[in-house]
Amino acid sequence: MATLRDIRRRIRSVESTQKITRAMKLVAAAKLRRAQERVLAARPYAGKMAELLGNLVSGAPAGDGAHPLLARREGPRRQIVIITADRGLAGAFNSNIIRRAVEFIRQSQAPEVTLVVVGRKGRDFFRRRGYAIKHEMVGFWDKLAYSHAGELADAFMRQYLEGEVDEVHLLYNEFRSVAVQRPVRVPLLPIPRAEGEGAGGAAPADYIYEPGPAAILDDLLPRHVRTQVFRALMESIAGEYGARMTAMEAATKNAKEMIGVLTIQYNKARQEKITKELLDIVGGAEALKQ
């Protein structure tokens, strides 16, 4: 049976853990507000650009005359970009996206698959299991900027244009709410074309290109790729803070409950010790009377 000293030591240990989890929750909540504002501000721009380019490229030439970033190839080379966090203590945030990535890799019919891993957790997981990692980027989340997305996107476009890969897919956690982060897979390259009718059953808009379709697509398509990568990074960092805040809130609550249980256990043990001492005193007094 645990002694009073052991129980006191466990209570102090849990109280220390509770202070840490409470502090981590407050830090995550403060960072989440800023990250959420950035995501909500970026979503309309990224969504409208995707919609605009979907209509633009639907009328662009296909086949041999297609823009290089729109050209579809039947080759087997596929690149998967997996975006995770650098740190844990965020519930199932990292494990969900890693599990989704492993499933996609196993289900892929392409015999040649290369990985680009963003975040230390994903890098460590795939490195330990012997996967071929083409490129990795870690240690930048606290100072996330558009330049990081530009660096990644330019590398993807360069490899695609040089024929090193035939497809590029993004895998990341989309921020839905503080408690919900949804793993999603988005085809990045080749840039998808709009299919069928537009929103509300309307046909896609018929654009007049000025100065010309080639000049506009040359400028907008690379910008679109960088914007989609930047949005994925911002969605991921906001989701990480939300998941960590939720996990630390649950850990703080569990620590409080554990402290209550240990306190009751401590009081019972203390009462038993006092009772035993009183019985010893009474027994000694009765022995002296005899």
C-alpha atoms as a PDB file:
ATOM      1  CA  MET A   1       0.000   0.000   0.000  1.00  0.00           C
ATOM      2  CA  ALA A   2       1.237   3.481  -0.873  1.00  0.00           C
ATOM      3  CA  THR A   3       2.508   5.556   2.035  1.00  0.00           C
ATOM      4  CA  LEU A   4       1.493   9.131   2.770  1.00  0.00           C
ATOM      5  CA  ARG A   5       4.804  10.341   1.402  1.00  0.00           C
ATOM      6  CA  ASP A   6       4.267   8.463  -1.880  1.00  0.00           C
ATOM      7  CA  ILE A   7       0.774   9.892  -2.288  1.00  0.00           C
ATOM      8  CA  ARG A   8       1.994  13.444  -1.542  1.00  0.00           C
ATOM      9  CA  ARG A   9       4.751  12.991  -4.117  1.00  0.00           C
ATOM     10  CA  ARG A  10       2.239  11.831  -6.750  1.00  0.00           C
ATOM     11  CA  ILE A  11      -0.055  14.785  -5.999  1.00  0.00           C
ATOM     12  CA  ARG A  12       2.820  17.257  -6.449  1.00  0.00           C
ATOM     13  CA  SER A  13       3.835  15.535  -9.679  1.00  0.00           C
ATOM     14  CA  VAL A  14       0.312  15.724 -11.127  1.00  0.00           C
ATOM     15  CA  GLU A  15       0.005  19.374 -10.027  1.00  0.00           C
ATOM     16  CA  SER A  16       3.231  20.191 -11.882  1.00  0.00           C
ATOM     17  CA  THR A  17       1.924  18.424 -14.988  1.00  0.00           C
ATOM     18  CA  GLN A  18      -1.337  20.342 -14.688  1.00  0.00           C
ATOM     19  CA  LYS A  19       0.513  23.658 -14.649  1.00  0.00           C
ATOM     20  CA  ILE A  20       2.402  22.672 -17.810  1.00  0.00           C
ATOM     21  CA  THR A  21      -0.711  21.543 -19.697  1.00  0.00           C
ATOM     22  CA  ARG A  22      -2.603  24.680 -18.659  1.00  0.00           C
ATOM     23  CA  ALA A  23       0.244  26.890 -19.892  1.00  0.00           C
ATOM     24  CA  MET A  24       0.460  24.962 -23.186  1.00  0.00           C
ATOM     25  CA  LYS A  25      -3.289  25.368 -23.658  1.00  0.00           C
ATOM     26  CA  LEU A  26      -3.076  29.145 -23.164  1.00  0.00           C
ATOM     27  CA  VAL A  27      -0.125  29.451 -25.559  1.00  0.00           C
ATOM     28  CA  ALA A  28      -1.917  27.367 -28.203  1.00  0.00           C
ATOM     29  CA  ALA A  29      -5.092  29.443 -27.786  1.00  0.00           C
ATOM     30  CA  ALA A  30      -3.175  32.695 -28.286  1.00  0.00           C
ATOM     31  CA  LYS A  31      -1.408  31.379 -31.399  1.00  0.00           C
ATOM     32  CA  LEU A  32      -4.629  29.854 -32.721  1.00  0.00           C
ATOM     33  CA  ARG A  33      -6.356  33.223 -32.874  1.00  0.00           C
ATOM     34  CA  ARG A  34      -3.671  34.657 -35.132  1.00  0.00           C
ATOM     35  CA  ALA A  35      -3.471  31.535 -37.289  1.00  0.00           C
ATOM     36  CA  GLN A  36      -7.254  31.361 -37.628  1.00  0.00           C
ATOM     37  CA  GLU A  37      -7.421  34.969 -38.769  1.00  0.00           C
ATOM     38  CA  ARG A  38      -4.806  34.260 -41.448  1.00  0.00           C
ATOM     39  CA  VAL A  39      -6.648  31.164 -42.669  1.00  0.00           C
ATOM     40  CA  LEU A  40     -10.019  32.902 -42.846  1.00  0.00           C
ATOM     41  CA  ALA A  41      -8.446  35.804 -44.725  1.00  0.00           C
ATOM     42  CA  ALA A  42      -6.647  33.512 -47.201  1.00  0.00           C
ATOM     43  CA  ARG A  43      -9.516  31.136 -47.980  1.00  0.00           C
ATOM     44  CA  PRO A  44     -11.613  33.510 -50.148  1.00  0.00           C
ATOM     45  CA  TYR A  45      -8.565  34.513 -52.205  1.00  0.00           C
ATOM     46  CA  ALA A  46      -7.365  30.941 -52.709  1.00  0.00           C
ATOM     47  CA  GLY A  47     -10.868  29.667 -53.454  1.00  0.00           C
ATOM     48  CA  LYS A  48     -11.639  32.422 -55.945  1.00  0.00           C
ATOM     49  CA  MET A  49      -8.305  31.930 -57.679  1.00  0.00           C
ATOM     50  CA  ALA A  50      -8.959  28.193 -57.983  1.00  0.00           C
ATOM     51  CA  GLU A  51     -12.437  28.897 -59.394  1.00  0.00           C
ATOM     52  CA  LEU A  52     -11.133  31.508 -61.832  1.00  0.00           C
ATOM     53  CA  LEU A  53      -8.291  29.337 -63.069  1.00  0.00           C
ATOM     54  CA  GLY A  54     -10.610  26.337 -63.342  1.00  0.00           C
ATOM     55  CA  ASN A  55     -12.713  28.295 -65.841  1.00  0.00           C
ATOM     56  CA  LEU A  56      -9.679  29.772 -67.569  1.00  0.00           C
ATOM     57  CA  VAL A  57      -7.895  26.482 -68.127  1.00  0.00           C
ATOM     58  CA  SER A  58     -11.120  24.728 -69.196  1.00  0.00           C
ATOM     59  CA  GLY A  59     -10.955  26.799 -72.358  1.00  0.00           C
ATOM     60  CA  ALA A  60      -7.185  26.573 -72.773  1.00  0.00           C
ATOM     61  CA  PRO A  61      -5.716  24.224 -75.395  1.00  0.00           C
ATOM     62  CA  ALA A  62      -5.307  20.598 -74.396  1.00  0.00           C
ATOM     63  CA  GLY A  63      -2.950  17.942 -75.631  1.00  0.00           C
ATOM     64  CA  ASP A  64       0.324  19.017 -77.223  1.00  0.00           C
ATOM     65  CA  GLY A  65      -0.669  22.696 -77.147  1.00  0.00           C
ATOM     66  CA  ALA A  66      -1.455  22.772 -73.431  1.00  0.00           C
ATOM     67  CA  HIS A  67       0.442  24.918 -70.966  1.00  0.00           C
ATOM     68  CA  PRO A  68       3.252  22.854 -69.371  1.00  0.00           C
ATOM     69  CA  LEU A  69       1.625  23.011 -65.923  1.00  0.00           C
ATOM     70  CA  LEU A  70      -1.664  21.740 -67.380  1.00  0.00           C
ATOM     71  CA  ALA A  71      -0.231  18.919 -69.459  1.00  0.00           C
ATOM     72  CA  ARG A  72      -1.339  15.518 -68.193  1.00  0.00           C
ATOM     73  CA  ARG A  73       1.100  12.651 -68.478  1.00  0.00           C
ATOM     74  CA  GLU A  74       0.415   8.958 -68.089  1.00  0.00           C
ATOM     75  CA  GLY A  75       3.764   8.198 -66.478  1.00  0.00           C
ATOM     76  CA  PRO A  76       4.004   6.349 -63.163  1.00  0.00           C
ATOM     77  CA  ARG A  77       6.020   8.917 -61.197  1.00  0.00           C
ATOM     78  CA  ARG A  78       3.994  10.352 -58.340  1.00  0.00           C
ATOM     79  CA  GLN A  79       5.093  12.756 -55.616  1.00  0.00           C
ATOM     80  CA  ILE A  80       3.185  13.044 -52.331  1.00  0.00           C
ATOM     81  CA  VAL A  81       3.614  16.110 -50.112  1.00  0.00           C
ATOM     82  CA  ILE A  82       2.794  15.248 -46.483  1.00  0.00           C
ATOM     83  CA  ILE A  83       2.330  18.179 -44.099  1.00  0.00           C
ATOM     84  CA  THR A  84       2.597  17.438 -40.364  1.00  0.00           C
ATOM     85  CA  ALA A  85       3.721  19.355 -37.255  1.00  0.00           C
ATOM     86  CA  ASP A  86       7.159  19.635 -35.684  1.00  0.00           C
ATOM     87  CA  ARG A  87       5.844  18.840 -32.195  1.00  0.00           C
ATOM     88  CA  GLY A  88       3.440  16.361 -30.661  1.00  0.00           C
ATOM     89  CA  LEU A  89       1.014  16.728 -27.744  1.00  0.00           C
ATOM     90  CA  ALA A  90      -1.730  17.561 -30.255  1.00  0.00           C
ATOM     91  CA  GLY A  91      -3.993  14.544 -29.960  1.00  0.00           C
ATOM     92  CA  ALA A  92      -4.446  12.615 -33.213  1.00  0.00           C
ATOM     93  CA  PHE A  93      -3.421  15.558 -35.409  1.00  0.00           C
ATOM     94  CA  ASN A  94      -0.209  13.989 -36.732  1.00  0.00           C
ATOM     95  CA  SER A  95      -1.286  10.349 -36.614  1.00  0.00           C
ATOM     96  CA  ASN A  96      -4.409  11.028 -38.713  1.00  0.00           C
ATOM     97  CA  ILE A  97      -2.519  12.595 -41.610  1.00  0.00           C
ATOM     98  CA  ILE A  98       0.271  10.006 -41.421  1.00  0.00           C
ATOM     99  CA  ARG A  99      -2.267   7.170 -41.518  1.00  0.00           C
ATOM    100  CA  ARG A 100      -4.015   8.795 -44.489  1.00  0.00           C
ATOM    101  CA  ALA A 101      -0.667   9.167 -46.278  1.00  0.00           C
ATOM    102  CA  VAL A 102       0.299   5.522 -45.679  1.00  0.00           C
ATOM    103  CA  GLU A 103      -3.080   4.381 -47.030  1.00  0.00           C
ATOM    104  CA  PHE A 104      -2.683   6.548 -50.131  1.00  0.00           C
ATOM    105  CA  ILE A 105       0.832   5.240 -50.745  1.00  0.00           C
ATOM    106  CA  ARG A 106      -0.304   1.613 -50.424  1.00  0.00           C
ATOM    107  CA  GLN A 107      -3.324   2.134 -52.664  1.00  0.00           C
ATOM    108  CA  SER A 108      -1.294   4.005 -55.275  1.00  0.00           C
ATOM    109  CA  GLN A 109      -0.911   2.171 -58.572  1.00  0.00           C
ATOM    110  CA  ALA A 110       2.230   4.126 -59.407  1.00  0.00           C
ATOM    111  CA  PRO A 111       5.345   1.955 -58.980  1.00  0.00           C
ATOM    112  CA  GLU A 112       7.510   5.050 -58.409  1.00  0.00           C
ATOM    113  CA  VAL A 113       6.431   7.203 -55.453  1.00  0.00           C
ATOM    114  CA  THR A 114       8.561   9.904 -53.831  1.00  0.00           C
ATOM    115  CA  LEU A 115       7.771  11.783 -50.631  1.00  0.00           C
ATOM    116  CA  VAL A 116       8.196  15.418 -49.660  1.00  0.00           C
ATOM    117  CA  VAL A 117       7.708  15.720 -45.911  1.00  0.00           C
ATOM    118  CA  VAL A 118       6.944  18.998 -44.143  1.00  0.00           C
ATOM    119  CA  GLY A 119       7.198  18.799 -40.358  1.00  0.00           C
ATOM    120  CA  ARG A 120       9.454  16.837 -38.025  1.00  0.00           C
ATOM    121  CA  LYS A 121       6.814  14.305 -36.941  1.00  0.00           C
ATOM    122  CA  GLY A 122       6.135  13.098 -40.459  1.00  0.00           C
ATOM    123  CA  ARG A 123       9.816  13.107 -41.365  1.00  0.00           C
ATOM    124  CA  ASP A 124      10.755  10.971 -38.375  1.00  0.00           C
ATOM    125  CA  PHE A 125       7.931   8.506 -39.022  1.00  0.00           C
ATOM    126  CA  PHE A 126       8.742   7.864 -42.676  1.00  0.00           C
ATOM    127  CA  ARG A 127      12.497   7.936 -42.129  1.00  0.00           C
ATOM    128  CA  ARG A 128      12.292   5.217 -39.466  1.00  0.00           C
ATOM    129  CA  ARG A 129      10.312   3.016 -41.854  1.00  0.00           C
ATOM    130  CA  GLY A 130      12.734   3.369 -44.745  1.00  0.00           C
ATOM    131  CA  TYR A 131      10.635   5.445 -47.148  1.00  0.00           C
ATOM    132  CA  ALA A 132      12.502   7.448 -49.774  1.00  0.00           C
ATOM    133  CA  ILE A 133      12.201  11.132 -48.830  1.00  0.00           C
ATOM    134  CA  LYS A 134      12.950  13.460 -51.738  1.00  0.00           C
ATOM    135  CA  HIS A 135      12.891  16.668 -49.707  1.00  0.00           C
ATOM    136  CA  GLU A 136      12.075  17.738 -46.162  1.00  0.00           C
ATOM    137  CA  MET A 137      11.316  21.051 -44.465  1.00  0.00           C
ATOM    138  CA  VAL A 138      11.254  21.389 -40.679  1.00  0.00           C
ATOM    139  CA  GLY A 139      11.717  24.031 -37.999  1.00  0.00           C
ATOM    140  CA  PHE A 140       9.888  26.931 -39.684  1.00  0.00           C
ATOM    141  CA  TRP A 141       6.339  26.758 -38.300  1.00  0.00           C
ATOM    142  CA  ASP A 142       6.818  29.504 -35.681  1.00  0.00           C
ATOM    143  CA  LYS A 143       7.873  31.908 -38.441  1.00  0.00           C
ATOM    144  CA  LEU A 144       5.704  30.649 -41.306  1.00  0.00           C
ATOM    145  CA  ALA A 145       5.801  33.031 -44.289  1.00  0.00           C
ATOM    146  CA  TYR A 146       4.793  33.047 -47.937  1.00  0.00           C
ATOM    147  CA  SER A 147       8.429  32.493 -48.874  1.00  0.00           C
ATOM    148  CA  HIS A 148       8.291  28.978 -47.408  1.00  0.00           C
ATOM    149  CA  ALA A 149       5.346  28.128 -49.647  1.00  0.00           C
ATOM    150  CA  GLY A 150       7.130  29.723 -52.610  1.00  0.00           C
ATOM    151  CA  GLU A 151      10.210  27.610 -51.998  1.00  0.00           C
ATOM    152  CA  LEU A 152       8.190  24.408 -51.913  1.00  0.00           C
ATOM    153  CA  ALA A 153       5.918  25.288 -54.838  1.00  0.00           C
ATOM    154  CA  ASP A 154       8.824  26.368 -57.071  1.00  0.00           C
ATOM    155  CA  ALA A 155      10.569  23.056 -56.377  1.00  0.00           C
ATOM    156  CA  PHE A 156       7.408  21.121 -57.288  1.00  0.00           C
ATOM    157  CA  MET A 157       6.918  23.079 -60.520  1.00  0.00           C
ATOM    158  CA  ARG A 158      10.572  22.720 -61.494  1.00  0.00           C
ATOM    159  CA  GLN A 159      10.471  18.955 -61.037  1.00  0.00           C
ATOM    160  CA  TYR A 160       7.203  18.723 -62.947  1.00  0.00           C
ATOM    161  CA  LEU A 161       8.399  20.848 -65.850  1.00  0.00           C
ATOM    162  CA  GLU A 162      11.666  18.914 -66.078  1.00  0.00           C
ATOM    163  CA  GLY A 163       9.762  15.640 -66.217  1.00  0.00           C
ATOM    164  CA  GLU A 164      11.008  14.244 -62.893  1.00  0.00           C
ATOM    165  CA  VAL A 165       7.439  13.668 -61.649  1.00  0.00           C
ATOM    166  CA  ASP A 166       4.088  13.248 -63.374  1.00  0.00           C
ATOM    167  CA  GLU A 167       1.762  14.037 -60.465  1.00  0.00           C
ATOM    168  CA  VAL A 168       2.007  16.033 -57.220  1.00  0.00           C
ATOM    169  CA  HIS A 169      -0.519  15.591 -54.407  1.00  0.00           C
ATOM    170  CA  LEU A 170      -0.889  17.592 -51.180  1.00  0.00           C
ATOM    171  CA  LEU A 171      -1.894  15.830 -47.951  1.00  0.00           C
ATOM    172  CA  TYR A 172      -2.668  18.067 -44.971  1.00  0.00           C
ATOM    173  CA  ASN A 173      -5.128  18.688 -42.125  1.00  0.00           C
ATOM    174  CA  GLU A 174      -7.804  21.190 -43.075  1.00  0.00           C
ATOM    175  CA  PHE A 175      -8.871  23.442 -40.206  1.00  0.00           C
ATOM    176  CA  ARG A 176     -12.626  23.086 -39.675  1.00  0.00           C
ATOM    177  CA  SER A 177     -12.956  24.204 -36.057  1.00  0.00           C
ATOM    178  CA  VAL A 178     -10.988  24.168 -32.820  1.00  0.00           C
ATOM    179  CA  ALA A 179     -11.991  20.552 -32.209  1.00  0.00           C
ATOM    180  CA  VAL A 180     -12.125  19.282 -35.820  1.00  0.00           C
ATOM    181  CA  GLN A 181      -9.250  18.972 -38.285  1.00  0.00           C
ATOM    182  CA  ARG A 182     -10.034  16.988 -41.430  1.00  0.00           C
ATOM    183  CA  PRO A 183      -7.269  15.196 -43.389  1.00  0.00           C
ATOM    184  CA  VAL A 184      -7.608  16.081 -47.073  1.00  0.00           C
ATOM    185  CA  ARG A 185      -5.780  15.201 -50.275  1.00  0.00           C
ATOM    186  CA  VAL A 186      -5.569  17.825 -53.010  1.00  0.00           C
ATOM    187  CA  PRO A 187      -4.094  17.244 -56.503  1.00  0.00           C
ATOM    188  CA  LEU A 188      -1.622  20.078 -57.057  1.00  0.00           C
ATOM    189  CA  LEU A 189       0.032  19.242 -60.381  1.00  0.00           C
ATOM    190  CA  PRO A 190      -1.064  19.043 -63.115  1.00  0.00           C
ATOM    191  CA  ILE A 191      -3.472  21.848 -62.303  1.00  0.00           C
ATOM    192  CA  PRO A 192      -7.013  20.409 -62.462  1.00  0.00           C
ATOM    193  CA  ARG A 193      -9.374  21.702 -65.134  1.00  0.00           C
ATOM    194  CA  ALA A 194     -12.962  22.679 -64.383  1.00  0.00           C
ATOM    195  CA  GLU A 195     -15.343  19.942 -65.471  1.00  0.00           C
ATOM    196  CA  GLY A 196     -18.975  20.200 -66.422  1.00  0.00           C
ATOM    197  CA  GLU A 197     -21.155  23.170 -65.578  1.00  0.00           C
ATOM    198  CA  GLY A 198     -20.370  25.898 -63.112  1.00  0.00           C
ATOM    199  CA  ALA A 199     -22.099  26.733 -59.881  1.00  0.00           C
ATOM    200  CA  GLY A 200     -25.893  26.929 -60.029  1.00  0.00           C
ATOM    201  CA  GLY A 201     -26.017  24.935 -63.268  1.00  0.00           C
ATOM    202  CA  ALA A 202     -24.515  27.797 -65.263  1.00  0.00           C
ATOM    203  CA  ALA A 203     -21.983  27.169 -67.982  1.00  0.00           C
ATOM    204  CA  PRO A 204     -18.382  28.232 -67.296  1.00  0.00           C
ATOM    205  CA  ALA A 205     -17.703  31.885 -68.041  1.00  0.00           C
ATOM    206  CA  ASP A 206     -16.366  32.728 -71.495  1.00  0.00           C
ATOM    207  CA  TYR A 207     -13.321  34.936 -70.825  1.00  0.00           C
ATOM    208  CA  ILE A 208     -11.693  37.337 -73.260  1.00  0.00           C
ATOM    209  CA  TYR A 209      -7.929  37.145 -72.772  1.00  0.00           C
ATOM    210  CA  GLU A 210      -5.949  40.378 -72.776  1.00  0.00           C
ATOM    211  CA  PRO A 211      -3.070  40.588 -73.669  1.00  0.00           C
ATOM    212  CA  GLY A 212      -3.427  36.870 -74.457  1.00  0.00           C
ATOM    213  CA  PRO A 213      -4.126  33.505 -72.845  1.00  0.00           C
ATOM    214  CA  ALA A 214      -0.486  32.397 -72.874  1.00  0.00           C
ATOM    215  CA  ALA A 215       0.737  35.520 -71.039  1.00  0.00           C
ATOM    216  CA  ILE A 216      -2.039  35.344 -68.451  1.00  0.00           C
ATOM    217  CA  LEU A 217      -1.594  31.647 -67.770  1.00  0.00           C
ATOM    218  CA  ASP A 218       2.190  32.024 -67.529  1.00  0.00           C
ATOM    219  CA  ASP A 219       1.672  34.514 -64.702  1.00  0.00           C
ATOM    220  CA  LEU A 220      -1.365  33.090 -62.917  1.00  0.00           C
ATOM    221  CA  LEU A 221      -0.643  29.360 -62.919  1.00  0.00           C
ATOM    222  CA  PRO A 222       2.615  29.528 -60.887  1.00  0.00           C
ATOM    223  CA  ARG A 223       0.959  32.015 -58.528  1.00  0.00           C
ATOM    224  CA  HIS A 224      -1.964  29.635 -58.117  1.00  0.00           C
ATOM    225  CA  VAL A 225       0.354  26.738 -57.171  1.00  0.00           C
ATOM    226  CA  ARG A 226       2.185  28.885 -54.589  1.00  0.00           C
ATOM    227  CA  THR A 227      -1.142  30.104 -53.157  1.00  0.00           C
ATOM    228  CA  GLN A 228      -2.495  26.572 -52.772  1.00  0.00           C
ATOM    229  CA  VAL A 229       0.676  25.432 -50.997  1.00  0.00           C
ATOM    230  CA  PHE A 230       0.588  28.480 -48.691  1.00  0.00           C
ATOM    231  CA  ARG A 231      -3.057  27.841 -47.882  1.00  0.00           C
ATOM    232  CA  ALA A 232      -2.274  24.193 -47.036  1.00  0.00           C
ATOM    233  CA  LEU A 233       0.500  25.310 -44.669  1.00  0.00           C
ATOM    234  CA  MET A 234      -1.755  27.841 -42.947  1.00  0.00           C
ATOM    235  CA  GLU A 235      -4.598  25.321 -42.630  1.00  0.00           C
ATOM    236  CA  SER A 236      -2.168  22.854 -41.072  1.00  0.00           C
ATOM    237  CA  ILE A 237      -0.688  25.268 -38.519  1.00  0.00           C
ATOM    238  CA  ALA A 238      -4.154  26.471 -37.460  1.00  0.00           C
ATOM    239  CA  GLY A 239      -5.306  22.864 -37.129  1.00  0.00           C
ATOM    240  CA  GLU A 240      -2.233  22.017 -35.055  1.00  0.00           C
ATOM    241  CA  TYR A 241      -2.903  24.828 -32.575  1.00  0.00           C
ATOM    242  CA  GLY A 242      -6.578  23.866 -32.343  1.00  0.00           C
ATOM    243  CA  ALA A 243      -5.741  20.195 -31.762  1.00  0.00           C
ATOM    244  CA  ARG A 244      -3.098  21.046 -29.167  1.00  0.00           C
ATOM    245  CA  MET A 245      -5.422  23.408 -27.314  1.00  0.00           C
ATOM    246  CA  THR A 246      -8.139  20.730 -27.204  1.00  0.00           C
ATOM    247  CA  ALA A 247      -5.689  18.037 -26.099  1.00  0.00           C
ATOM    248  CA  MET A 248      -4.160  20.206 -23.373  1.00  0.00           C
ATOM    249  CA  GLU A 249      -7.597  21.227 -22.114  1.00  0.00           C
ATOM    250  CA  ALA A 250      -8.524  17.544 -21.772  1.00  0.00           C
ATOM    251  CA  ALA A 251      -5.183  16.793 -20.086  1.00  0.00           C
ATOM    252  CA  THR A 252      -5.697  19.646 -17.602  1.00  0.00           C
ATOM    253  CA  LYS A 253      -9.181  18.363 -16.790  1.00  0.00           C
ATOM    254  CA  ASN A 254      -7.872  14.811 -16.325  1.00  0.00           C
ATOM    255  CA  ALA A 255      -5.103  16.080 -14.040  1.00  0.00           C
ATOM    256  CA  LYS A 256      -7.661  17.913 -11.909  1.00  0.00           C
ATOM    257  CA  GLU A 257      -9.727  14.752 -11.575  1.00  0.00           C
ATOM    258  CA  MET A 258      -6.644  12.709 -10.700  1.00  0.00           C
ATOM    259  CA  ILE A 259      -5.648  15.221  -8.027  1.00  0.00           C
ATOM    260  CA  GLY A 260      -9.123  14.873  -6.507  1.00  0.00           C
ATOM    261  CA  VAL A 261      -8.849  11.069  -6.439  1.00  0.00           C
ATOM    262  CA  LEU A 262      -5.356  11.194  -4.934  1.00  0.00           C
ATOM    263  CA  THR A 263      -6.456  13.732  -2.335  1.00  0.00           C
ATOM    264  CA  ILE A 264      -9.257  11.429  -1.194  1.00  0.00           C
ATOM    265  CA  GLN A 265      -6.820   8.535  -1.110  1.00  0.00           C
ATOM    266  CA  TYR A 266      -4.375  10.662   0.921  1.00  0.00           C
ATOM    267  CA  ASN A 267      -7.058  11.685   3.430  1.00  0.00           C
ATOM    268  CA  LYS A 268      -8.175   8.072   3.879  1.00  0.00           C
ATOM    269  CA  ALA A 269      -4.594   6.892   4.433  1.00  0.00           C
ATOM    270  CA  ARG A 270      -3.991   9.757   6.850  1.00  0.00           C
ATOM    271  CA  GLN A 271      -7.175   8.931   8.755  1.00  0.00           C
ATOM    272  CA  GLU A 272      -6.191   5.272   8.942  1.00  0.00           C
ATOM    273  CA  LYS A 273      -2.779   6.234  10.318  1.00  0.00           C
ATOM    274  CA  ILE A 274      -4.331   8.520  12.956  1.00  0.00           C
ATOM    275  CA  THR A 275      -6.818   5.813  13.937  1.00  0.00           C
ATOM    276  CA  LYS A 276      -4.048   3.262  14.257  1.00  0.00           C
ATOM    277  CA  GLU A 277      -2.003   5.629  16.462  1.00  0.00           C
ATOM    278  CA  LEU A 278      -5.018   6.301  18.670  1.00  0.00           C
ATOM    279  CA  LEU A 279      -5.635   2.568  19.045  1.00  0.00           C
ATOM    280  CA  ASP A 280      -2.002   2.085  20.021  1.00  0.00           C
ATOM    281  CA  ILE A 281      -2.283   4.851  22.658  1.00  0.00           C
ATOM    282  CA  VAL A 282      -5.519   3.429  24.059  1.00  0.00           C
ATOM    283  CA  GLY A 283      -4.049  -0.083  24.127  1.00  0.00           C
ATOM    284  CA  GLY A 284      -0.960   1.168  25.941  1.00  0.00           C
ATOM    285  CA  ALA A 285      -3.107   3.045  28.493  1.00  0.00           C
ATOM    286  CA  GLU A 286      -5.192  -0.062  29.177  1.00  0.00           C
ATOM    287  CA  ALA A 287      -2.036  -2.133  29.631  1.00  0.00           C
ATOM    288  CA  LEU A 288      -0.745   0.358  32.242  1.00  0.00           C
ATOM    289  CA  LYS A 289      -3.988   0.099  34.199  1.00  0.00           C
ATOM    290  CA  GLN A 290      -3.485  -3.617  34.522  1.00  0.00           C
END
